[in-house]
Amino acid sequence: MRITLWHNPRCSKSRAALALLQARGIQPDVVEYLATPPDADGIRAVLRRLGLPARALLRTGEAAYAELGLADEGLDEEALVQAMARHPILIERPVAIRDGQAVIGRPPERVLELLRD
């Protein structure tokens, strides 16, 4: 079973999600997305797997969210995806990805949904 985890080691929720997977014998492919950010195509692909709009993947509490005016409901999906690609701190974490599925690990236990066959 291959799971990729978009991970921020400074985030307690991200560390908890990683620990939950490891406790079940799964060593995910860890992508520290702040050091190795996904491009716009990668973000779009994850959004498709999540089945969510771009706004659902945004961290609204980040300073960049306010500075870039991302609360503007008039912004389209592409503008939000581009903002996340340019400022990966805006991407909610952790995100666990397996095959055609993905979940946002908030709460961290949500990553376990990917273990169901």
N, C-alpha and C. Protein backbone atom coordinates (compact mmCIF):
# COMPACT_ATOMS: atom_id res chain seq x y z
N MET A 1 0.85 -1.17 0.00
CA MET A 1 0.00 0.00 0.00
C MET A 1 0.90 1.24 0.00
N ARG A 2 0.72 2.09 -0.99
CA ARG A 2 1.50 3.32 -1.10
C ARG A 2 0.62 4.50 -0.73
N ILE A 3 1.05 5.20 0.29
CA ILE A 3 0.37 6.43 0.70
C ILE A 3 1.40 7.54 0.67
N THR A 4 1.01 8.67 0.11
CA THR A 4 1.84 9.87 0.12
C THR A 4 1.23 10.82 1.14
N LEU A 5 2.09 11.44 1.93
CA LEU A 5 1.61 12.38 2.94
C LEU A 5 2.27 13.73 2.71
N TRP A 6 1.44 14.74 2.38
CA TRP A 6 1.94 16.12 2.35
C TRP A 6 2.04 16.53 3.80
N HIS A 7 3.25 16.75 4.25
CA HIS A 7 3.56 16.82 5.68
C HIS A 7 4.31 18.10 6.02
N ASN A 8 3.99 18.64 7.18
CA ASN A 8 4.76 19.74 7.76
C ASN A 8 5.20 19.26 9.14
N PRO A 9 6.48 18.95 9.35
CA PRO A 9 6.92 18.39 10.62
C PRO A 9 6.73 19.33 11.81
N ARG A 10 6.48 20.61 11.55
CA ARG A 10 6.24 21.55 12.65
C ARG A 10 4.79 21.57 13.10
N CYS A 11 3.93 20.88 12.38
CA CYS A 11 2.49 20.88 12.66
C CYS A 11 2.12 19.64 13.48
N SER A 12 1.49 19.85 14.62
CA SER A 12 1.13 18.73 15.49
C SER A 12 0.14 17.78 14.82
N LYS A 13 -0.80 18.30 14.04
CA LYS A 13 -1.78 17.44 13.36
C LYS A 13 -1.08 16.58 12.30
N SER A 14 -0.12 17.17 11.62
CA SER A 14 0.62 16.43 10.60
C SER A 14 1.47 15.34 11.25
N ARG A 15 2.13 15.68 12.34
CA ARG A 15 2.93 14.66 13.06
C ARG A 15 2.04 13.55 13.58
N ALA A 16 0.85 13.88 14.07
CA ALA A 16 -0.07 12.87 14.59
C ALA A 16 -0.55 11.95 13.47
N ALA A 17 -0.84 12.50 12.30
CA ALA A 17 -1.28 11.68 11.17
C ALA A 17 -0.17 10.72 10.75
N LEU A 18 1.04 11.20 10.70
CA LEU A 18 2.18 10.35 10.35
C LEU A 18 2.34 9.23 11.37
N ALA A 19 2.23 9.56 12.64
CA ALA A 19 2.36 8.55 13.70
C ALA A 19 1.25 7.50 13.61
N LEU A 20 0.03 7.91 13.29
CA LEU A 20 -1.08 6.96 13.14
C LEU A 20 -0.79 5.95 12.04
N LEU A 21 -0.29 6.43 10.92
CA LEU A 21 0.04 5.52 9.82
C LEU A 21 1.18 4.59 10.20
N GLN A 22 2.22 5.15 10.80
CA GLN A 22 3.37 4.33 11.18
C GLN A 22 3.00 3.29 12.23
N ALA A 23 2.08 3.62 13.13
CA ALA A 23 1.65 2.67 14.16
C ALA A 23 0.94 1.47 13.54
N ARG A 24 0.45 1.65 12.32
CA ARG A 24 -0.21 0.56 11.60
C ARG A 24 0.72 -0.10 10.60
N GLY A 25 2.01 0.17 10.73
CA GLY A 25 3.01 -0.47 9.88
C GLY A 25 3.13 0.14 8.50
N ILE A 26 2.60 1.33 8.31
CA ILE A 26 2.66 1.99 7.00
C ILE A 26 3.68 3.11 7.07
N GLN A 27 4.66 3.05 6.19
CA GLN A 27 5.64 4.12 6.07
C GLN A 27 5.30 4.90 4.82
N PRO A 28 4.57 6.00 4.97
CA PRO A 28 4.16 6.74 3.78
C PRO A 28 5.35 7.44 3.11
N ASP A 29 5.14 7.79 1.85
CA ASP A 29 6.09 8.64 1.15
C ASP A 29 5.82 10.05 1.67
N VAL A 30 6.72 10.56 2.46
CA VAL A 30 6.53 11.86 3.10
C VAL A 30 7.07 12.96 2.18
N VAL A 31 6.21 13.90 1.88
CA VAL A 31 6.60 15.07 1.09
C VAL A 31 6.45 16.28 2.00
N GLU A 32 7.58 16.85 2.37
CA GLU A 32 7.54 18.09 3.16
C GLU A 32 7.22 19.20 2.17
N TYR A 33 5.93 19.49 2.06
CA TYR A 33 5.45 20.32 0.96
C TYR A 33 5.89 21.78 1.04
N LEU A 34 6.40 22.22 2.18
CA LEU A 34 6.93 23.59 2.23
C LEU A 34 8.32 23.64 1.59
N ALA A 35 9.07 22.54 1.72
CA ALA A 35 10.41 22.46 1.12
C ALA A 35 10.33 22.04 -0.35
N THR A 36 9.35 21.18 -0.66
CA THR A 36 9.15 20.68 -2.02
C THR A 36 7.69 20.90 -2.38
N PRO A 37 7.33 22.14 -2.71
CA PRO A 37 5.91 22.43 -2.93
C PRO A 37 5.36 21.81 -4.20
N PRO A 38 4.09 21.43 -4.15
CA PRO A 38 3.44 20.93 -5.37
C PRO A 38 3.21 22.09 -6.33
N ASP A 39 3.22 21.76 -7.62
CA ASP A 39 2.88 22.79 -8.59
C ASP A 39 1.36 22.85 -8.74
N ALA A 40 0.89 23.75 -9.58
CA ALA A 40 -0.55 23.93 -9.75
C ALA A 40 -1.22 22.64 -10.23
N ASP A 41 -0.57 21.90 -11.14
CA ASP A 41 -1.15 20.64 -11.62
C ASP A 41 -1.28 19.63 -10.48
N GLY A 42 -0.26 19.58 -9.61
CA GLY A 42 -0.33 18.67 -8.46
C GLY A 42 -1.44 19.03 -7.50
N ILE A 43 -1.64 20.31 -7.30
CA ILE A 43 -2.73 20.76 -6.42
C ILE A 43 -4.08 20.42 -7.03
N ARG A 44 -4.22 20.67 -8.34
CA ARG A 44 -5.48 20.33 -9.02
C ARG A 44 -5.76 18.83 -8.91
N ALA A 45 -4.73 18.00 -9.09
CA ALA A 45 -4.90 16.54 -9.01
C ALA A 45 -5.37 16.13 -7.62
N VAL A 46 -4.79 16.73 -6.59
CA VAL A 46 -5.21 16.40 -5.22
C VAL A 46 -6.63 16.87 -4.97
N LEU A 47 -6.97 18.03 -5.46
CA LEU A 47 -8.35 18.52 -5.29
C LEU A 47 -9.35 17.56 -5.93
N ARG A 48 -9.00 17.03 -7.11
CA ARG A 48 -9.90 16.04 -7.75
C ARG A 48 -10.04 14.81 -6.86
N ARG A 49 -8.93 14.34 -6.30
CA ARG A 49 -8.98 13.16 -5.42
C ARG A 49 -9.76 13.45 -4.15
N LEU A 50 -9.64 14.67 -3.65
CA LEU A 50 -10.39 15.06 -2.46
C LEU A 50 -11.88 15.23 -2.76
N GLY A 51 -12.18 15.61 -3.99
CA GLY A 51 -13.57 15.90 -4.35
C GLY A 51 -14.03 17.20 -3.71
N LEU A 52 -13.09 18.13 -3.54
CA LEU A 52 -13.39 19.39 -2.86
C LEU A 52 -12.98 20.57 -3.73
N PRO A 53 -13.60 21.73 -3.48
CA PRO A 53 -13.15 22.94 -4.17
C PRO A 53 -11.84 23.43 -3.55
N ALA A 54 -11.13 24.26 -4.29
CA ALA A 54 -9.84 24.78 -3.83
C ALA A 54 -9.95 25.48 -2.49
N ARG A 55 -11.02 26.19 -2.26
CA ARG A 55 -11.18 26.93 -1.01
C ARG A 55 -11.11 26.01 0.21
N ALA A 56 -11.53 24.76 0.06
CA ALA A 56 -11.51 23.81 1.18
C ALA A 56 -10.09 23.39 1.57
N LEU A 57 -9.12 23.64 0.69
CA LEU A 57 -7.74 23.26 0.96
C LEU A 57 -6.92 24.44 1.48
N LEU A 58 -7.54 25.60 1.59
CA LEU A 58 -6.84 26.80 2.04
C LEU A 58 -6.79 26.92 3.56
N ARG A 59 -5.64 27.32 4.06
CA ARG A 59 -5.49 27.66 5.48
C ARG A 59 -5.82 29.14 5.64
N THR A 60 -7.01 29.41 6.14
CA THR A 60 -7.50 30.79 6.22
C THR A 60 -6.85 31.60 7.33
N GLY A 61 -6.18 30.95 8.25
CA GLY A 61 -5.55 31.66 9.36
C GLY A 61 -4.15 32.17 9.06
N GLU A 62 -3.62 31.82 7.90
CA GLU A 62 -2.27 32.26 7.54
C GLU A 62 -2.27 33.73 7.14
N ALA A 63 -1.20 34.43 7.48
CA ALA A 63 -1.08 35.84 7.13
C ALA A 63 -1.20 36.04 5.62
N ALA A 64 -0.64 35.14 4.83
CA ALA A 64 -0.69 35.26 3.38
C ALA A 64 -2.12 35.23 2.86
N TYR A 65 -3.01 34.55 3.55
CA TYR A 65 -4.41 34.48 3.14
C TYR A 65 -5.00 35.90 3.13
N ALA A 66 -4.78 36.63 4.20
CA ALA A 66 -5.30 38.00 4.28
C ALA A 66 -4.54 38.92 3.34
N GLU A 67 -3.22 38.80 3.33
CA GLU A 67 -2.39 39.68 2.50
C GLU A 67 -2.73 39.57 1.02
N LEU A 68 -3.10 38.38 0.57
CA LEU A 68 -3.41 38.16 -0.83
C LEU A 68 -4.89 38.38 -1.15
N GLY A 69 -5.69 38.72 -0.14
CA GLY A 69 -7.12 38.97 -0.36
C GLY A 69 -7.89 37.73 -0.76
N LEU A 70 -7.49 36.57 -0.24
CA LEU A 70 -8.10 35.31 -0.66
C LEU A 70 -9.49 35.07 -0.08
N ALA A 71 -9.92 35.91 0.83
CA ALA A 71 -11.29 35.78 1.35
C ALA A 71 -12.31 36.25 0.32
N ASP A 72 -11.86 36.92 -0.71
CA ASP A 72 -12.74 37.42 -1.77
C ASP A 72 -13.44 36.25 -2.45
N GLU A 73 -14.74 36.14 -2.24
CA GLU A 73 -15.52 35.04 -2.81
C GLU A 73 -15.58 35.09 -4.33
N GLY A 74 -15.19 36.21 -4.91
CA GLY A 74 -15.20 36.35 -6.36
C GLY A 74 -14.02 35.67 -7.04
N LEU A 75 -13.04 35.25 -6.26
CA LEU A 75 -11.89 34.56 -6.85
C LEU A 75 -12.30 33.18 -7.34
N ASP A 76 -11.84 32.83 -8.53
CA ASP A 76 -12.20 31.52 -9.06
C ASP A 76 -11.22 30.44 -8.59
N GLU A 77 -11.52 29.22 -8.94
CA GLU A 77 -10.71 28.07 -8.53
C GLU A 77 -9.25 28.25 -8.95
N GLU A 78 -9.05 28.68 -10.19
CA GLU A 78 -7.69 28.79 -10.70
C GLU A 78 -6.87 29.81 -9.91
N ALA A 79 -7.49 30.91 -9.52
CA ALA A 79 -6.77 31.92 -8.73
C ALA A 79 -6.35 31.35 -7.38
N LEU A 80 -7.21 30.54 -6.78
CA LEU A 80 -6.88 29.94 -5.49
C LEU A 80 -5.79 28.88 -5.65
N VAL A 81 -5.87 28.08 -6.69
CA VAL A 81 -4.84 27.06 -6.94
C VAL A 81 -3.49 27.75 -7.17
N GLN A 82 -3.48 28.80 -7.96
CA GLN A 82 -2.23 29.51 -8.23
C GLN A 82 -1.66 30.12 -6.96
N ALA A 83 -2.52 30.64 -6.09
CA ALA A 83 -2.05 31.21 -4.82
C ALA A 83 -1.39 30.12 -3.97
N MET A 84 -1.99 28.94 -3.92
CA MET A 84 -1.39 27.84 -3.14
C MET A 84 -0.08 27.38 -3.76
N ALA A 85 -0.01 27.37 -5.08
CA ALA A 85 1.23 26.95 -5.75
C ALA A 85 2.36 27.94 -5.45
N ARG A 86 2.04 29.21 -5.41
CA ARG A 86 3.06 30.24 -5.14
C ARG A 86 3.38 30.36 -3.66
N HIS A 87 2.40 30.04 -2.80
CA HIS A 87 2.55 30.19 -1.35
C HIS A 87 2.07 28.90 -0.67
N PRO A 88 2.89 27.85 -0.68
CA PRO A 88 2.44 26.55 -0.16
C PRO A 88 2.05 26.56 1.31
N ILE A 89 2.45 27.59 2.06
CA ILE A 89 2.01 27.69 3.46
C ILE A 89 0.49 27.76 3.54
N LEU A 90 -0.16 28.13 2.44
CA LEU A 90 -1.62 28.24 2.40
C LEU A 90 -2.32 26.88 2.29
N ILE A 91 -1.58 25.82 2.00
CA ILE A 91 -2.18 24.49 1.82
C ILE A 91 -2.44 23.86 3.18
N GLU A 92 -3.67 23.44 3.39
CA GLU A 92 -4.03 22.75 4.63
C GLU A 92 -3.21 21.48 4.74
N ARG A 93 -2.88 21.10 5.96
CA ARG A 93 -2.08 19.90 6.18
C ARG A 93 -2.64 19.13 7.35
N PRO A 94 -2.30 17.87 7.35
CA PRO A 94 -1.66 17.07 6.33
C PRO A 94 -2.68 16.64 5.27
N VAL A 95 -2.19 16.25 4.11
CA VAL A 95 -3.01 15.64 3.07
C VAL A 95 -2.43 14.27 2.80
N ALA A 96 -3.27 13.25 2.91
CA ALA A 96 -2.85 11.88 2.63
C ALA A 96 -3.47 11.46 1.31
N ILE A 97 -2.67 10.81 0.47
CA ILE A 97 -3.09 10.46 -0.88
C ILE A 97 -2.80 8.98 -1.11
N ARG A 98 -3.79 8.29 -1.61
CA ARG A 98 -3.62 6.87 -1.99
C ARG A 98 -4.42 6.62 -3.25
N ASP A 99 -3.74 6.22 -4.29
CA ASP A 99 -4.38 5.94 -5.57
C ASP A 99 -5.26 7.13 -5.98
N GLY A 100 -6.52 6.88 -6.21
CA GLY A 100 -7.43 7.93 -6.66
C GLY A 100 -8.13 8.67 -5.55
N GLN A 101 -7.68 8.48 -4.32
CA GLN A 101 -8.34 9.10 -3.18
C GLN A 101 -7.37 9.99 -2.41
N ALA A 102 -7.93 10.94 -1.69
CA ALA A 102 -7.13 11.76 -0.79
C ALA A 102 -8.04 12.24 0.33
N VAL A 103 -7.43 12.54 1.48
CA VAL A 103 -8.15 13.13 2.61
C VAL A 103 -7.26 14.19 3.25
N ILE A 104 -7.93 15.18 3.80
CA ILE A 104 -7.24 16.16 4.63
C ILE A 104 -7.27 15.60 6.05
N GLY A 105 -6.12 15.47 6.66
CA GLY A 105 -6.01 14.85 7.98
C GLY A 105 -6.37 15.77 9.12
N ARG A 106 -7.56 16.29 9.10
CA ARG A 106 -8.09 17.11 10.19
C ARG A 106 -9.48 16.61 10.51
N PRO A 107 -9.63 15.90 11.60
CA PRO A 107 -8.61 15.50 12.55
C PRO A 107 -7.67 14.45 11.93
N PRO A 108 -6.51 14.22 12.58
CA PRO A 108 -5.52 13.29 12.01
C PRO A 108 -6.07 11.91 11.70
N GLU A 109 -7.05 11.45 12.45
CA GLU A 109 -7.62 10.12 12.25
C GLU A 109 -8.25 9.95 10.87
N ARG A 110 -8.54 11.05 10.20
CA ARG A 110 -9.12 10.96 8.86
C ARG A 110 -8.20 10.23 7.90
N VAL A 111 -6.88 10.26 8.12
CA VAL A 111 -5.97 9.56 7.20
C VAL A 111 -6.24 8.06 7.20
N LEU A 112 -6.82 7.54 8.27
CA LEU A 112 -7.10 6.11 8.35
C LEU A 112 -8.20 5.70 7.38
N GLU A 113 -8.98 6.65 6.88
CA GLU A 113 -10.01 6.34 5.89
C GLU A 113 -9.39 5.73 4.63
N LEU A 114 -8.15 6.07 4.34
CA LEU A 114 -7.49 5.53 3.15
C LEU A 114 -7.09 4.07 3.30
N LEU A 115 -7.15 3.56 4.51
CA LEU A 115 -6.75 2.17 4.76
C LEU A 115 -7.88 1.19 4.47
N ARG A 116 -9.08 1.72 4.34
CA ARG A 116 -10.22 0.85 4.05
C ARG A 116 -10.20 0.43 2.59
N ASP A 117 -10.43 -0.83 2.36
CA ASP A 117 -10.46 -1.31 0.95
C ASP A 117 -11.87 -1.50 0.49
